[in-house]
Amino acid sequence: MEEKATRSLGGKLALWVFYAFCGYFVWAMVRYAWVVSFLNAVPVAGFESDLGSTAGKWLGALLGFMVLGVVGVMLGGIAWYTRPRNNHG
């Protein structure tokens, strides 16, 4: 009977950090969408809008999504790298 491969302690820690980050990521994006959806629409003429306008808030949300996405990819890569492996040929 084959023995099931298990994660090391560091691998388990990496996986749980990744899971916790995924939960934080979802919470942060829902919270940001909730906050931005209650803002009053500000008329924007061309590219003269500042980061205080509605378009600026959505741009900030997009940039935050991209930064958190990069961190998530890095944590996911670490969790994947520390996965259990079978050592048969």
PDB file of N, CA and C in Angstrom:
ATOM      1  N   MET A   1       0.842  -1.185   0.000  1.00  0.00           N
ATOM      2  CA  MET A   1       0.000   0.000   0.000  1.00  0.00           C
ATOM      3  C   MET A   1       0.881   1.239   0.000  1.00  0.00           C
ATOM      4  N   GLU A   2       0.487   2.203  -0.825  1.00  0.00           N
ATOM      5  CA  GLU A   2       1.289   3.423  -0.917  1.00  0.00           C
ATOM      6  C   GLU A   2       1.080   4.310   0.293  1.00  0.00           C
ATOM      7  N   GLU A   3       2.160   4.954   0.676  1.00  0.00           N
ATOM      8  CA  GLU A   3       2.092   5.888   1.792  1.00  0.00           C
ATOM      9  C   GLU A   3       1.743   7.266   1.245  1.00  0.00           C
ATOM     10  N   LYS A   4       0.776   7.919   1.872  1.00  0.00           N
ATOM     11  CA  LYS A   4       0.350   9.243   1.427  1.00  0.00           C
ATOM     12  C   LYS A   4       1.399  10.281   1.834  1.00  0.00           C
ATOM     13  N   ALA A   5       1.790  11.117   0.883  1.00  0.00           N
ATOM     14  CA  ALA A   5       2.765  12.170   1.158  1.00  0.00           C
ATOM     15  C   ALA A   5       2.111  13.245   2.029  1.00  0.00           C
ATOM     16  N   THR A   6       2.864  13.756   2.982  1.00  0.00           N
ATOM     17  CA  THR A   6       2.348  14.799   3.860  1.00  0.00           C
ATOM     18  C   THR A   6       3.237  16.033   3.783  1.00  0.00           C
ATOM     19  N   ARG A   7       2.672  17.155   4.134  1.00  0.00           N
ATOM     20  CA  ARG A   7       3.419  18.407   4.142  1.00  0.00           C
ATOM     21  C   ARG A   7       4.296  18.489   5.379  1.00  0.00           C
ATOM     22  N   SER A   8       5.408  19.180   5.224  1.00  0.00           N
ATOM     23  CA  SER A   8       6.254  19.467   6.380  1.00  0.00           C
ATOM     24  C   SER A   8       5.596  20.576   7.200  1.00  0.00           C
ATOM     25  N   LEU A   9       6.145  20.878   8.350  1.00  0.00           N
ATOM     26  CA  LEU A   9       5.599  21.943   9.180  1.00  0.00           C
ATOM     27  C   LEU A   9       5.659  23.285   8.455  1.00  0.00           C
ATOM     28  N   GLY A  10       6.761  23.563   7.767  1.00  0.00           N
ATOM     29  CA  GLY A  10       6.871  24.799   6.988  1.00  0.00           C
ATOM     30  C   GLY A  10       5.869  24.848   5.852  1.00  0.00           C
ATOM     31  N   GLY A  11       5.620  23.712   5.220  1.00  0.00           N
ATOM     32  CA  GLY A  11       4.631  23.643   4.145  1.00  0.00           C
ATOM     33  C   GLY A  11       3.226  23.900   4.647  1.00  0.00           C
ATOM     34  N   LYS A  12       2.911  23.352   5.828  1.00  0.00           N
ATOM     35  CA  LYS A  12       1.591  23.603   6.419  1.00  0.00           C
ATOM     36  C   LYS A  12       1.431  25.077   6.775  1.00  0.00           C
ATOM     37  N   LEU A  13       2.495  25.658   7.316  1.00  0.00           N
ATOM     38  CA  LEU A  13       2.456  27.083   7.647  1.00  0.00           C
ATOM     39  C   LEU A  13       2.255  27.925   6.389  1.00  0.00           C
ATOM     40  N   ALA A  14       2.978  27.608   5.327  1.00  0.00           N
ATOM     41  CA  ALA A  14       2.840  28.352   4.066  1.00  0.00           C
ATOM     42  C   ALA A  14       1.426  28.227   3.511  1.00  0.00           C
ATOM     43  N   LEU A  15       0.842  27.052   3.603  1.00  0.00           N
ATOM     44  CA  LEU A  15      -0.515  26.846   3.099  1.00  0.00           C
ATOM     45  C   LEU A  15      -1.528  27.636   3.914  1.00  0.00           C
ATOM     46  N   TRP A  16      -1.383  27.644   5.234  1.00  0.00           N
ATOM     47  CA  TRP A  16      -2.315  28.390   6.070  1.00  0.00           C
ATOM     48  C   TRP A  16      -2.156  29.892   5.906  1.00  0.00           C
ATOM     49  N   VAL A  17      -0.934  30.348   5.698  1.00  0.00           N
ATOM     50  CA  VAL A  17      -0.730  31.778   5.426  1.00  0.00           C
ATOM     51  C   VAL A  17      -1.416  32.144   4.109  1.00  0.00           C
ATOM     52  N   PHE A  18      -1.306  31.281   3.115  1.00  0.00           N
ATOM     53  CA  PHE A  18      -1.963  31.517   1.834  1.00  0.00           C
ATOM     54  C   PHE A  18      -3.483  31.544   2.002  1.00  0.00           C
ATOM     55  N   TYR A  19      -4.034  30.587   2.757  1.00  0.00           N
ATOM     56  CA  TYR A  19      -5.486  30.566   3.002  1.00  0.00           C
ATOM     57  C   TYR A  19      -5.939  31.831   3.720  1.00  0.00           C
ATOM     58  N   ALA A  20      -5.194  32.247   4.743  1.00  0.00           N
ATOM     59  CA  ALA A  20      -5.552  33.451   5.491  1.00  0.00           C
ATOM     60  C   ALA A  20      -5.498  34.677   4.579  1.00  0.00           C
ATOM     61  N   PHE A  21      -4.498  34.745   3.727  1.00  0.00           N
ATOM     62  CA  PHE A  21      -4.394  35.866   2.806  1.00  0.00           C
ATOM     63  C   PHE A  21      -5.561  35.874   1.820  1.00  0.00           C
ATOM     64  N   CYS A  22      -5.963  34.705   1.340  1.00  0.00           N
ATOM     65  CA  CYS A  22      -7.110  34.645   0.420  1.00  0.00           C
ATOM     66  C   CYS A  22      -8.367  35.188   1.096  1.00  0.00           C
ATOM     67  N   GLY A  23      -8.575  34.827   2.367  1.00  0.00           N
ATOM     68  CA  GLY A  23      -9.708  35.364   3.113  1.00  0.00           C
ATOM     69  C   GLY A  23      -9.627  36.871   3.256  1.00  0.00           C
ATOM     70  N   TYR A  24      -8.439  37.383   3.569  1.00  0.00           N
ATOM     71  CA  TYR A  24      -8.239  38.825   3.688  1.00  0.00           C
ATOM     72  C   TYR A  24      -8.483  39.515   2.342  1.00  0.00           C
ATOM     73  N   PHE A  25      -8.000  38.921   1.272  1.00  0.00           N
ATOM     74  CA  PHE A  25      -8.155  39.486  -0.063  1.00  0.00           C
ATOM     75  C   PHE A  25      -9.634  39.647  -0.406  1.00  0.00           C
ATOM     76  N   VAL A  26     -10.420  38.607  -0.171  1.00  0.00           N
ATOM     77  CA  VAL A  26     -11.852  38.668  -0.470  1.00  0.00           C
ATOM     78  C   VAL A  26     -12.516  39.735   0.393  1.00  0.00           C
ATOM     79  N   TRP A  27     -12.200  39.752   1.698  1.00  0.00           N
ATOM     80  CA  TRP A  27     -12.777  40.748   2.598  1.00  0.00           C
ATOM     81  C   TRP A  27     -12.413  42.166   2.155  1.00  0.00           C
ATOM     82  N   ALA A  28     -11.169  42.401   1.804  1.00  0.00           N
ATOM     83  CA  ALA A  28     -10.716  43.736   1.407  1.00  0.00           C
ATOM     84  C   ALA A  28     -11.410  44.197   0.131  1.00  0.00           C
ATOM     85  N   MET A  29     -11.557  43.314  -0.843  1.00  0.00           N
ATOM     86  CA  MET A  29     -12.198  43.708  -2.094  1.00  0.00           C
ATOM     87  C   MET A  29     -13.688  43.974  -1.902  1.00  0.00           C
ATOM     88  N   VAL A  30     -14.369  43.145  -1.102  1.00  0.00           N
ATOM     89  CA  VAL A  30     -15.795  43.373  -0.840  1.00  0.00           C
ATOM     90  C   VAL A  30     -15.979  44.674  -0.068  1.00  0.00           C
ATOM     91  N   ARG A  31     -15.129  44.919   0.914  1.00  0.00           N
ATOM     92  CA  ARG A  31     -15.210  46.146   1.702  1.00  0.00           C
ATOM     93  C   ARG A  31     -14.973  47.368   0.824  1.00  0.00           C
ATOM     94  N   TYR A  32     -13.986  47.291  -0.046  1.00  0.00           N
ATOM     95  CA  TYR A  32     -13.691  48.435  -0.904  1.00  0.00           C
ATOM     96  C   TYR A  32     -14.839  48.703  -1.874  1.00  0.00           C
ATOM     97  N   ALA A  33     -15.395  47.628  -2.455  1.00  0.00           N
ATOM     98  CA  ALA A  33     -16.535  47.800  -3.361  1.00  0.00           C
ATOM     99  C   ALA A  33     -17.735  48.367  -2.606  1.00  0.00           C
ATOM    100  N   TRP A  34     -17.923  47.936  -1.377  1.00  0.00           N
ATOM    101  CA  TRP A  34     -19.028  48.438  -0.549  1.00  0.00           C
ATOM    102  C   TRP A  34     -18.867  49.940  -0.301  1.00  0.00           C
ATOM    103  N   VAL A  35     -17.661  50.361   0.060  1.00  0.00           N
ATOM    104  CA  VAL A  35     -17.412  51.771   0.353  1.00  0.00           C
ATOM    105  C   VAL A  35     -17.558  52.619  -0.901  1.00  0.00           C
ATOM    106  N   VAL A  36     -16.979  52.183  -1.995  1.00  0.00           N
ATOM    107  CA  VAL A  36     -17.013  52.978  -3.228  1.00  0.00           C
ATOM    108  C   VAL A  36     -18.435  53.051  -3.791  1.00  0.00           C
ATOM    109  N   SER A  37     -19.233  52.018  -3.595  1.00  0.00           N
ATOM    110  CA  SER A  37     -20.586  52.024  -4.152  1.00  0.00           C
ATOM    111  C   SER A  37     -21.479  53.057  -3.474  1.00  0.00           C
ATOM    112  N   PHE A  38     -21.130  53.482  -2.265  1.00  0.00           N
ATOM    113  CA  PHE A  38     -21.938  54.478  -1.566  1.00  0.00           C
ATOM    114  C   PHE A  38     -21.461  55.909  -1.786  1.00  0.00           C
ATOM    115  N   LEU A  39     -20.436  56.107  -2.591  1.00  0.00           N
ATOM    116  CA  LEU A  39     -19.964  57.459  -2.888  1.00  0.00           C
ATOM    117  C   LEU A  39     -20.903  58.136  -3.871  1.00  0.00           C
ATOM    118  N   ASN A  40     -21.053  59.418  -3.726  1.00  0.00           N
ATOM    119  CA  ASN A  40     -21.847  60.182  -4.689  1.00  0.00           C
ATOM    120  C   ASN A  40     -21.042  60.351  -5.972  1.00  0.00           C
ATOM    121  N   ALA A  41     -21.721  60.230  -7.101  1.00  0.00           N
ATOM    122  CA  ALA A  41     -21.051  60.382  -8.388  1.00  0.00           C
ATOM    123  C   ALA A  41     -20.627  61.837  -8.578  1.00  0.00           C
ATOM    124  N   VAL A  42     -19.400  62.024  -8.993  1.00  0.00           N
ATOM    125  CA  VAL A  42     -18.867  63.356  -9.260  1.00  0.00           C
ATOM    126  C   VAL A  42     -18.666  63.470 -10.760  1.00  0.00           C
ATOM    127  N   PRO A  43     -19.190  64.518 -11.392  1.00  0.00           N
ATOM    128  CA  PRO A  43     -18.969  64.661 -12.832  1.00  0.00           C
ATOM    129  C   PRO A  43     -17.480  64.829 -13.135  1.00  0.00           C
ATOM    130  N   VAL A  44     -17.018  64.070 -14.107  1.00  0.00           N
ATOM    131  CA  VAL A  44     -15.605  64.099 -14.480  1.00  0.00           C
ATOM    132  C   VAL A  44     -15.504  64.647 -15.895  1.00  0.00           C
ATOM    133  N   ALA A  45     -14.730  65.706 -16.067  1.00  0.00           N
ATOM    134  CA  ALA A  45     -14.524  66.295 -17.381  1.00  0.00           C
ATOM    135  C   ALA A  45     -13.128  65.930 -17.865  1.00  0.00           C
ATOM    136  N   GLY A  46     -13.048  65.009 -18.801  1.00  0.00           N
ATOM    137  CA  GLY A  46     -11.744  64.603 -19.345  1.00  0.00           C
ATOM    138  C   GLY A  46     -10.898  63.898 -18.301  1.00  0.00           C
ATOM    139  N   PHE A  47      -9.631  64.251 -18.277  1.00  0.00           N
ATOM    140  CA  PHE A  47      -8.703  63.621 -17.353  1.00  0.00           C
ATOM    141  C   PHE A  47      -8.375  64.523 -16.167  1.00  0.00           C
ATOM    142  N   GLU A  48      -9.268  65.435 -15.867  1.00  0.00           N
ATOM    143  CA  GLU A  48      -9.016  66.385 -14.793  1.00  0.00           C
ATOM    144  C   GLU A  48      -9.434  65.861 -13.426  1.00  0.00           C
ATOM    145  N   SER A  49      -9.860  64.604 -13.363  1.00  0.00           N
ATOM    146  CA  SER A  49     -10.324  64.068 -12.077  1.00  0.00           C
ATOM    147  C   SER A  49      -9.130  63.796 -11.162  1.00  0.00           C
ATOM    148  N   ASP A  50      -9.383  63.945  -9.883  1.00  0.00           N
ATOM    149  CA  ASP A  50      -8.340  63.637  -8.915  1.00  0.00           C
ATOM    150  C   ASP A  50      -8.678  62.307  -8.232  1.00  0.00           C
ATOM    151  N   LEU A  51      -7.819  61.885  -7.325  1.00  0.00           N
ATOM    152  CA  LEU A  51      -8.046  60.604  -6.662  1.00  0.00           C
ATOM    153  C   LEU A  51      -9.189  60.665  -5.652  1.00  0.00           C
ATOM    154  N   GLY A  52      -9.785  61.828  -5.442  1.00  0.00           N
ATOM    155  CA  GLY A  52     -10.934  61.945  -4.562  1.00  0.00           C
ATOM    156  C   GLY A  52     -12.249  61.693  -5.273  1.00  0.00           C
ATOM    157  N   SER A  53     -12.238  61.611  -6.592  1.00  0.00           N
ATOM    158  CA  SER A  53     -13.465  61.391  -7.349  1.00  0.00           C
ATOM    159  C   SER A  53     -13.816  59.907  -7.358  1.00  0.00           C
ATOM    160  N   THR A  54     -14.994  59.632  -7.884  1.00  0.00           N
ATOM    161  CA  THR A  54     -15.436  58.242  -7.976  1.00  0.00           C
ATOM    162  C   THR A  54     -14.498  57.433  -8.873  1.00  0.00           C
ATOM    163  N   ALA A  55     -14.113  58.009 -10.009  1.00  0.00           N
ATOM    164  CA  ALA A  55     -13.194  57.299 -10.907  1.00  0.00           C
ATOM    165  C   ALA A  55     -11.863  57.050 -10.211  1.00  0.00           C
ATOM    166  N   GLY A  56     -11.412  58.011  -9.418  1.00  0.00           N
ATOM    167  CA  GLY A  56     -10.170  57.839  -8.678  1.00  0.00           C
ATOM    168  C   GLY A  56     -10.275  56.744  -7.629  1.00  0.00           C
ATOM    169  N   LYS A  57     -11.432  56.637  -7.002  1.00  0.00           N
ATOM    170  CA  LYS A  57     -11.638  55.569  -6.007  1.00  0.00           C
ATOM    171  C   LYS A  57     -11.591  54.198  -6.678  1.00  0.00           C
ATOM    172  N   TRP A  58     -12.218  54.080  -7.850  1.00  0.00           N
ATOM    173  CA  TRP A  58     -12.185  52.798  -8.556  1.00  0.00           C
ATOM    174  C   TRP A  58     -10.779  52.490  -9.069  1.00  0.00           C
ATOM    175  N   LEU A  59     -10.040  53.530  -9.459  1.00  0.00           N
ATOM    176  CA  LEU A  59      -8.654  53.325  -9.865  1.00  0.00           C
ATOM    177  C   LEU A  59      -7.820  52.843  -8.683  1.00  0.00           C
ATOM    178  N   GLY A  60      -8.055  53.418  -7.514  1.00  0.00           N
ATOM    179  CA  GLY A  60      -7.374  52.963  -6.300  1.00  0.00           C
ATOM    180  C   GLY A  60      -7.714  51.526  -5.974  1.00  0.00           C
ATOM    181  N   ALA A  61      -8.975  51.139  -6.175  1.00  0.00           N
ATOM    182  CA  ALA A  61      -9.387  49.751  -5.943  1.00  0.00           C
ATOM    183  C   ALA A  61      -8.680  48.813  -6.914  1.00  0.00           C
ATOM    184  N   LEU A  62      -8.557  49.230  -8.168  1.00  0.00           N
ATOM    185  CA  LEU A  62      -7.870  48.405  -9.161  1.00  0.00           C
ATOM    186  C   LEU A  62      -6.396  48.242  -8.815  1.00  0.00           C
ATOM    187  N   LEU A  63      -5.756  49.330  -8.416  1.00  0.00           N
ATOM    188  CA  LEU A  63      -4.344  49.241  -8.041  1.00  0.00           C
ATOM    189  C   LEU A  63      -4.159  48.377  -6.795  1.00  0.00           C
ATOM    190  N   GLY A  64      -5.055  48.526  -5.831  1.00  0.00           N
ATOM    191  CA  GLY A  64      -4.999  47.674  -4.644  1.00  0.00           C
ATOM    192  C   GLY A  64      -5.195  46.213  -4.995  1.00  0.00           C
ATOM    193  N   PHE A  65      -6.126  45.940  -5.917  1.00  0.00           N
ATOM    194  CA  PHE A  65      -6.356  44.574  -6.379  1.00  0.00           C
ATOM    195  C   PHE A  65      -5.098  44.001  -7.018  1.00  0.00           C
ATOM    196  N   MET A  66      -4.416  44.827  -7.809  1.00  0.00           N
ATOM    197  CA  MET A  66      -3.200  44.348  -8.480  1.00  0.00           C
ATOM    198  C   MET A  66      -2.087  44.064  -7.470  1.00  0.00           C
ATOM    199  N   VAL A  67      -1.912  44.941  -6.486  1.00  0.00           N
ATOM    200  CA  VAL A  67      -0.867  44.724  -5.479  1.00  0.00           C
ATOM    201  C   VAL A  67      -1.178  43.474  -4.664  1.00  0.00           C
ATOM    202  N   LEU A  68      -2.425  43.352  -4.198  1.00  0.00           N
ATOM    203  CA  LEU A  68      -2.791  42.157  -3.434  1.00  0.00           C
ATOM    204  C   LEU A  68      -2.718  40.903  -4.302  1.00  0.00           C
ATOM    205  N   GLY A  69      -3.004  41.041  -5.584  1.00  0.00           N
ATOM    206  CA  GLY A  69      -2.885  39.899  -6.496  1.00  0.00           C
ATOM    207  C   GLY A  69      -1.452  39.414  -6.625  1.00  0.00           C
ATOM    208  N   VAL A  70      -0.507  40.340  -6.712  1.00  0.00           N
ATOM    209  CA  VAL A  70       0.909  39.962  -6.797  1.00  0.00           C
ATOM    210  C   VAL A  70       1.346  39.263  -5.513  1.00  0.00           C
ATOM    211  N   VAL A  71       0.933  39.799  -4.363  1.00  0.00           N
ATOM    212  CA  VAL A  71       1.277  39.160  -3.092  1.00  0.00           C
ATOM    213  C   VAL A  71       0.651  37.768  -3.022  1.00  0.00           C
ATOM    214  N   GLY A  72      -0.587  37.637  -3.471  1.00  0.00           N
ATOM    215  CA  GLY A  72      -1.265  36.341  -3.487  1.00  0.00           C
ATOM    216  C   GLY A  72      -0.569  35.329  -4.379  1.00  0.00           C
ATOM    217  N   VAL A  73      -0.101  35.779  -5.536  1.00  0.00           N
ATOM    218  CA  VAL A  73       0.626  34.878  -6.439  1.00  0.00           C
ATOM    219  C   VAL A  73       1.926  34.414  -5.791  1.00  0.00           C
ATOM    220  N   MET A  74       2.602  35.321  -5.107  1.00  0.00           N
ATOM    221  CA  MET A  74       3.853  34.935  -4.432  1.00  0.00           C
ATOM    222  C   MET A  74       3.585  33.931  -3.309  1.00  0.00           C
ATOM    223  N   LEU A  75       2.576  34.192  -2.483  1.00  0.00           N
ATOM    224  CA  LEU A  75       2.247  33.258  -1.402  1.00  0.00           C
ATOM    225  C   LEU A  75       1.750  31.920  -1.953  1.00  0.00           C
ATOM    226  N   GLY A  76       0.973  31.971  -3.022  1.00  0.00           N
ATOM    227  CA  GLY A  76       0.526  30.735  -3.660  1.00  0.00           C
ATOM    228  C   GLY A  76       1.684  29.938  -4.224  1.00  0.00           C
ATOM    229  N   GLY A  77       2.669  30.630  -4.790  1.00  0.00           N
ATOM    230  CA  GLY A  77       3.862  29.946  -5.303  1.00  0.00           C
ATOM    231  C   GLY A  77       4.654  29.275  -4.197  1.00  0.00           C
ATOM    232  N   ILE A  78       4.761  29.942  -3.062  1.00  0.00           N
ATOM    233  CA  ILE A  78       5.463  29.341  -1.926  1.00  0.00           C
ATOM    234  C   ILE A  78       4.704  28.125  -1.419  1.00  0.00           C
ATOM    235  N   ALA A  79       3.366  28.230  -1.311  1.00  0.00           N
ATOM    236  CA  ALA A  79       2.555  27.092  -0.866  1.00  0.00           C
ATOM    237  C   ALA A  79       2.659  25.940  -1.858  1.00  0.00           C
ATOM    238  N   TRP A  80       2.688  26.246  -3.144  1.00  0.00           N
ATOM    239  CA  TRP A  80       2.816  25.189  -4.154  1.00  0.00           C
ATOM    240  C   TRP A  80       4.199  24.543  -4.084  1.00  0.00           C
ATOM    241  N   TYR A  81       5.231  25.352  -3.903  1.00  0.00           N
ATOM    242  CA  TYR A  81       6.596  24.830  -3.847  1.00  0.00           C
ATOM    243  C   TYR A  81       6.792  23.915  -2.644  1.00  0.00           C
ATOM    244  N   THR A  82       6.100  24.177  -1.546  1.00  0.00           N
ATOM    245  CA  THR A  82       6.254  23.362  -0.344  1.00  0.00           C
ATOM    246  C   THR A  82       5.233  22.230  -0.278  1.00  0.00           C
ATOM    247  N   ARG A  83       4.568  21.918  -1.381  1.00  0.00           N
ATOM    248  CA  ARG A  83       3.568  20.848  -1.400  1.00  0.00           C
ATOM    249  C   ARG A  83       4.230  19.492  -1.167  1.00  0.00           C
ATOM    250  N   PRO A  84       3.456  18.506  -0.714  1.00  0.00           N
ATOM    251  CA  PRO A  84       4.031  17.168  -0.546  1.00  0.00           C
ATOM    252  C   PRO A  84       4.293  16.531  -1.905  1.00  0.00           C
ATOM    253  N   ARG A  85       5.370  15.802  -1.997  1.00  0.00           N
ATOM    254  CA  ARG A  85       5.731  15.149  -3.259  1.00  0.00           C
ATOM    255  C   ARG A  85       5.977  13.670  -3.005  1.00  0.00           C
ATOM    256  N   ASN A  86       5.583  12.871  -3.977  1.00  0.00           N
ATOM    257  CA  ASN A  86       5.940  11.449  -3.946  1.00  0.00           C
ATOM    258  C   ASN A  86       7.313  11.302  -4.563  1.00  0.00           C
ATOM    259  N   ASN A  87       8.174  10.555  -3.930  1.00  0.00           N
ATOM    260  CA  ASN A  87       9.546  10.427  -4.400  1.00  0.00           C
ATOM    261  C   ASN A  87       9.791   9.148  -5.186  1.00  0.00           C
ATOM    262  N   HIS A  88       8.765   8.605  -5.849  1.00  0.00           N
ATOM    263  CA  HIS A  88       9.003   7.422  -6.697  1.00  0.00           C
ATOM    264  C   HIS A  88       9.390   7.874  -8.076  1.00  0.00           C
ATOM    265  N   GLY A  89      10.112   7.006  -8.728  1.00  0.00           N
ATOM    266  CA  GLY A  89      10.634   7.286 -10.038  1.00  0.00           C
ATOM    267  C   GLY A  89       9.590   7.431 -11.058  1.00  0.00           C
TER     268      GLY A  89
END
